[in-house]
Amino acid sequence: VKVISLNKISPGLQDKIDSEIHILKGVHHENIVQLYDVKKCEKYIILILEFCGGGDLSKVIKKHQKPDQTALSEPVALYFMRQLAQGM
């Protein structure tokens, strides 16, 4: 569940969020988080999303990054790039 406070975002950002919601409602792919439902009220937008136990992409990348390097190894980066491309 993701809760977005409407008091803390600009009208322009709210338009972008609405656009993303519209896109996610029509997308069904194993590499893209599934949006199950949206609830809107006066102060909040509540997104009911698929649970991803591995965390977001930045956490996964940090997990696969070697301590003495600032970048991922080429095979790991290639794996993530393929997954991202398949989601598009």
N, C-alpha and C. Protein backbone atom coordinates (compact mmCIF):
# COMPACT_ATOMS: atom_id res chain seq x y z
N VAL A 1 0.85 -1.17 0.00
CA VAL A 1 0.00 0.00 0.00
C VAL A 1 0.90 1.23 0.00
N LYS A 2 0.61 2.16 -0.89
CA LYS A 2 1.34 3.43 -0.94
C LYS A 2 0.33 4.54 -0.74
N VAL A 3 0.62 5.43 0.21
CA VAL A 3 -0.27 6.55 0.51
C VAL A 3 0.44 7.83 0.09
N ILE A 4 -0.23 8.63 -0.73
CA ILE A 4 0.32 9.89 -1.21
C ILE A 4 -0.52 11.02 -0.62
N SER A 5 0.13 11.90 0.12
CA SER A 5 -0.56 13.04 0.71
C SER A 5 -0.72 14.13 -0.34
N LEU A 6 -1.94 14.51 -0.62
CA LEU A 6 -2.21 15.54 -1.63
C LEU A 6 -1.79 16.92 -1.15
N ASN A 7 -1.64 17.09 0.15
CA ASN A 7 -1.21 18.38 0.70
C ASN A 7 0.26 18.67 0.40
N LYS A 8 1.04 17.61 0.09
CA LYS A 8 2.48 17.77 -0.06
C LYS A 8 2.95 17.74 -1.51
N ILE A 9 2.02 17.70 -2.46
CA ILE A 9 2.42 17.66 -3.87
C ILE A 9 1.79 18.81 -4.64
N SER A 10 2.47 19.22 -5.69
CA SER A 10 1.96 20.31 -6.52
C SER A 10 0.90 19.77 -7.47
N PRO A 11 0.07 20.65 -8.01
CA PRO A 11 -0.93 20.21 -8.99
C PRO A 11 -0.28 19.53 -10.21
N GLY A 12 0.90 20.01 -10.62
CA GLY A 12 1.60 19.39 -11.74
C GLY A 12 2.02 17.97 -11.44
N LEU A 13 2.52 17.75 -10.22
CA LEU A 13 2.90 16.40 -9.81
C LEU A 13 1.68 15.51 -9.67
N GLN A 14 0.58 16.06 -9.21
CA GLN A 14 -0.64 15.27 -9.11
C GLN A 14 -1.10 14.82 -10.50
N ASP A 15 -0.95 15.67 -11.49
CA ASP A 15 -1.29 15.28 -12.87
C ASP A 15 -0.41 14.12 -13.34
N LYS A 16 0.88 14.16 -13.00
CA LYS A 16 1.80 13.09 -13.38
C LYS A 16 1.43 11.78 -12.67
N ILE A 17 1.06 11.87 -11.41
CA ILE A 17 0.64 10.69 -10.66
C ILE A 17 -0.62 10.10 -11.28
N ASP A 18 -1.58 10.96 -11.62
CA ASP A 18 -2.81 10.49 -12.26
C ASP A 18 -2.51 9.80 -13.59
N SER A 19 -1.56 10.35 -14.34
CA SER A 19 -1.16 9.75 -15.62
C SER A 19 -0.52 8.38 -15.39
N GLU A 20 0.35 8.28 -14.39
CA GLU A 20 0.99 6.99 -14.09
C GLU A 20 -0.04 5.96 -13.64
N ILE A 21 -1.00 6.39 -12.84
CA ILE A 21 -2.07 5.48 -12.42
C ILE A 21 -2.84 4.96 -13.63
N HIS A 22 -3.16 5.85 -14.55
CA HIS A 22 -3.89 5.46 -15.76
C HIS A 22 -3.09 4.42 -16.55
N ILE A 23 -1.79 4.64 -16.69
CA ILE A 23 -0.94 3.70 -17.42
C ILE A 23 -0.86 2.36 -16.70
N LEU A 24 -0.61 2.40 -15.38
CA LEU A 24 -0.46 1.16 -14.62
C LEU A 24 -1.73 0.31 -14.60
N LYS A 25 -2.88 0.96 -14.68
CA LYS A 25 -4.14 0.20 -14.70
C LYS A 25 -4.24 -0.69 -15.94
N GLY A 26 -3.58 -0.28 -17.03
CA GLY A 26 -3.66 -1.05 -18.27
C GLY A 26 -2.49 -1.97 -18.52
N VAL A 27 -1.51 -1.98 -17.62
CA VAL A 27 -0.31 -2.78 -17.83
C VAL A 27 -0.35 -4.02 -16.94
N HIS A 28 -0.11 -5.16 -17.56
CA HIS A 28 -0.05 -6.42 -16.82
C HIS A 28 1.17 -7.18 -17.32
N HIS A 29 2.27 -7.08 -16.57
CA HIS A 29 3.51 -7.73 -16.96
C HIS A 29 4.24 -8.19 -15.71
N GLU A 30 4.90 -9.33 -15.79
CA GLU A 30 5.57 -9.89 -14.60
C GLU A 30 6.71 -9.01 -14.09
N ASN A 31 7.26 -8.12 -14.90
CA ASN A 31 8.36 -7.26 -14.47
C ASN A 31 7.91 -5.87 -14.05
N ILE A 32 6.62 -5.65 -13.98
CA ILE A 32 6.08 -4.36 -13.56
C ILE A 32 5.14 -4.59 -12.38
N VAL A 33 5.30 -3.81 -11.34
CA VAL A 33 4.45 -3.93 -10.16
C VAL A 33 3.00 -3.74 -10.56
N GLN A 34 2.15 -4.66 -10.13
CA GLN A 34 0.74 -4.61 -10.48
C GLN A 34 -0.01 -3.63 -9.57
N LEU A 35 -0.75 -2.73 -10.18
CA LEU A 35 -1.63 -1.82 -9.45
C LEU A 35 -3.00 -2.48 -9.36
N TYR A 36 -3.42 -2.82 -8.16
CA TYR A 36 -4.69 -3.51 -7.97
C TYR A 36 -5.87 -2.56 -7.83
N ASP A 37 -5.66 -1.48 -7.10
CA ASP A 37 -6.78 -0.58 -6.85
C ASP A 37 -6.26 0.80 -6.44
N VAL A 38 -7.10 1.79 -6.62
CA VAL A 38 -6.78 3.17 -6.23
C VAL A 38 -7.97 3.72 -5.45
N LYS A 39 -7.69 4.31 -4.32
CA LYS A 39 -8.71 4.98 -3.52
C LYS A 39 -8.30 6.44 -3.41
N LYS A 40 -9.22 7.33 -3.71
CA LYS A 40 -8.94 8.76 -3.59
C LYS A 40 -9.90 9.38 -2.59
N CYS A 41 -9.35 10.21 -1.75
CA CYS A 41 -10.18 10.99 -0.84
C CYS A 41 -9.67 12.42 -0.86
N GLU A 42 -10.20 13.25 -0.01
CA GLU A 42 -9.87 14.68 -0.03
C GLU A 42 -8.38 14.95 0.21
N LYS A 43 -7.74 14.16 1.07
CA LYS A 43 -6.36 14.44 1.46
C LYS A 43 -5.33 13.45 0.92
N TYR A 44 -5.77 12.29 0.42
CA TYR A 44 -4.84 11.24 0.05
C TYR A 44 -5.24 10.52 -1.24
N ILE A 45 -4.22 9.97 -1.89
CA ILE A 45 -4.41 8.96 -2.92
C ILE A 45 -3.78 7.69 -2.33
N ILE A 46 -4.54 6.62 -2.32
CA ILE A 46 -4.05 5.36 -1.75
C ILE A 46 -3.96 4.34 -2.89
N LEU A 47 -2.75 3.82 -3.09
CA LEU A 47 -2.51 2.84 -4.15
C LEU A 47 -2.36 1.46 -3.52
N ILE A 48 -3.13 0.51 -4.01
CA ILE A 48 -3.02 -0.87 -3.56
C ILE A 48 -2.19 -1.58 -4.63
N LEU A 49 -0.94 -1.93 -4.26
CA LEU A 49 0.04 -2.47 -5.20
C LEU A 49 0.42 -3.90 -4.85
N GLU A 50 0.93 -4.60 -5.84
CA GLU A 50 1.50 -5.93 -5.64
C GLU A 50 2.66 -5.84 -4.64
N PHE A 51 2.76 -6.82 -3.76
CA PHE A 51 3.86 -6.85 -2.80
C PHE A 51 5.12 -7.36 -3.50
N CYS A 52 6.21 -6.63 -3.29
CA CYS A 52 7.51 -7.02 -3.85
C CYS A 52 8.48 -7.20 -2.69
N GLY A 53 8.68 -8.43 -2.29
CA GLY A 53 9.49 -8.75 -1.12
C GLY A 53 10.95 -8.36 -1.24
N GLY A 54 11.45 -8.21 -2.48
CA GLY A 54 12.85 -7.87 -2.67
C GLY A 54 13.15 -6.40 -2.54
N GLY A 55 12.14 -5.58 -2.37
CA GLY A 55 12.34 -4.14 -2.28
C GLY A 55 12.34 -3.50 -3.66
N ASP A 56 12.65 -2.20 -3.70
CA ASP A 56 12.66 -1.52 -4.99
C ASP A 56 13.99 -1.76 -5.70
N LEU A 57 14.09 -1.29 -6.93
CA LEU A 57 15.25 -1.57 -7.77
C LEU A 57 16.54 -1.06 -7.15
N SER A 58 16.52 0.11 -6.53
CA SER A 58 17.76 0.65 -5.95
C SER A 58 18.29 -0.25 -4.83
N LYS A 59 17.41 -0.83 -4.04
CA LYS A 59 17.85 -1.74 -2.97
C LYS A 59 18.44 -3.02 -3.56
N VAL A 60 17.82 -3.53 -4.60
CA VAL A 60 18.33 -4.74 -5.24
C VAL A 60 19.69 -4.49 -5.87
N ILE A 61 19.85 -3.33 -6.51
CA ILE A 61 21.14 -2.99 -7.12
C ILE A 61 22.22 -2.88 -6.04
N LYS A 62 21.92 -2.21 -4.94
CA LYS A 62 22.90 -2.08 -3.86
C LYS A 62 23.28 -3.45 -3.29
N LYS A 63 22.31 -4.35 -3.24
CA LYS A 63 22.57 -5.70 -2.73
C LYS A 63 23.55 -6.45 -3.63
N HIS A 64 23.46 -6.24 -4.94
CA HIS A 64 24.30 -6.95 -5.90
C HIS A 64 25.61 -6.23 -6.20
N GLN A 65 25.79 -5.06 -5.66
CA GLN A 65 26.99 -4.26 -5.90
C GLN A 65 28.11 -4.73 -4.97
N LYS A 66 29.29 -4.89 -5.52
CA LYS A 66 30.43 -5.29 -4.70
C LYS A 66 30.89 -4.09 -3.87
N PRO A 67 31.34 -4.33 -2.63
CA PRO A 67 31.68 -3.23 -1.71
C PRO A 67 32.75 -2.26 -2.24
N ASP A 68 33.69 -2.75 -3.01
CA ASP A 68 34.78 -1.90 -3.48
C ASP A 68 34.52 -1.28 -4.85
N GLN A 69 33.29 -1.40 -5.36
CA GLN A 69 32.97 -0.86 -6.68
C GLN A 69 31.80 0.11 -6.59
N THR A 70 31.77 1.06 -7.53
CA THR A 70 30.66 2.00 -7.59
C THR A 70 29.64 1.61 -8.65
N ALA A 71 29.94 0.57 -9.42
CA ALA A 71 29.03 0.12 -10.47
C ALA A 71 28.80 -1.38 -10.33
N LEU A 72 27.75 -1.85 -10.99
CA LEU A 72 27.47 -3.28 -11.02
C LEU A 72 28.40 -3.96 -12.01
N SER A 73 28.62 -5.24 -11.81
CA SER A 73 29.37 -6.00 -12.80
C SER A 73 28.55 -6.04 -14.09
N GLU A 74 29.21 -6.25 -15.19
CA GLU A 74 28.51 -6.24 -16.48
C GLU A 74 27.41 -7.31 -16.56
N PRO A 75 27.67 -8.57 -16.12
CA PRO A 75 26.58 -9.57 -16.18
C PRO A 75 25.35 -9.19 -15.35
N VAL A 76 25.57 -8.61 -14.16
CA VAL A 76 24.45 -8.21 -13.31
C VAL A 76 23.70 -7.04 -13.95
N ALA A 77 24.44 -6.06 -14.47
CA ALA A 77 23.80 -4.93 -15.14
C ALA A 77 23.00 -5.39 -16.35
N LEU A 78 23.55 -6.32 -17.11
CA LEU A 78 22.86 -6.85 -18.28
C LEU A 78 21.56 -7.54 -17.87
N TYR A 79 21.60 -8.29 -16.78
CA TYR A 79 20.40 -8.96 -16.27
C TYR A 79 19.30 -7.94 -15.96
N PHE A 80 19.66 -6.88 -15.23
CA PHE A 80 18.67 -5.86 -14.88
C PHE A 80 18.16 -5.12 -16.11
N MET A 81 19.03 -4.82 -17.05
CA MET A 81 18.61 -4.13 -18.27
C MET A 81 17.63 -4.98 -19.08
N ARG A 82 17.88 -6.28 -19.13
CA ARG A 82 16.93 -7.18 -19.84
C ARG A 82 15.58 -7.18 -19.15
N GLN A 83 15.59 -7.24 -17.82
CA GLN A 83 14.33 -7.24 -17.07
C GLN A 83 13.57 -5.94 -17.30
N LEU A 84 14.28 -4.81 -17.29
CA LEU A 84 13.65 -3.51 -17.54
C LEU A 84 13.08 -3.44 -18.96
N ALA A 85 13.85 -3.91 -19.93
CA ALA A 85 13.39 -3.89 -21.32
C ALA A 85 12.15 -4.76 -21.51
N GLN A 86 12.12 -5.91 -20.85
CA GLN A 86 10.95 -6.78 -20.97
C GLN A 86 9.70 -6.14 -20.39
N GLY A 87 9.89 -5.28 -19.40
CA GLY A 87 8.77 -4.60 -18.78
C GLY A 87 8.20 -3.47 -19.62
N MET A 88 8.96 -3.03 -20.61
CA MET A 88 8.51 -1.93 -21.46
C MET A 88 7.67 -2.50 -22.53
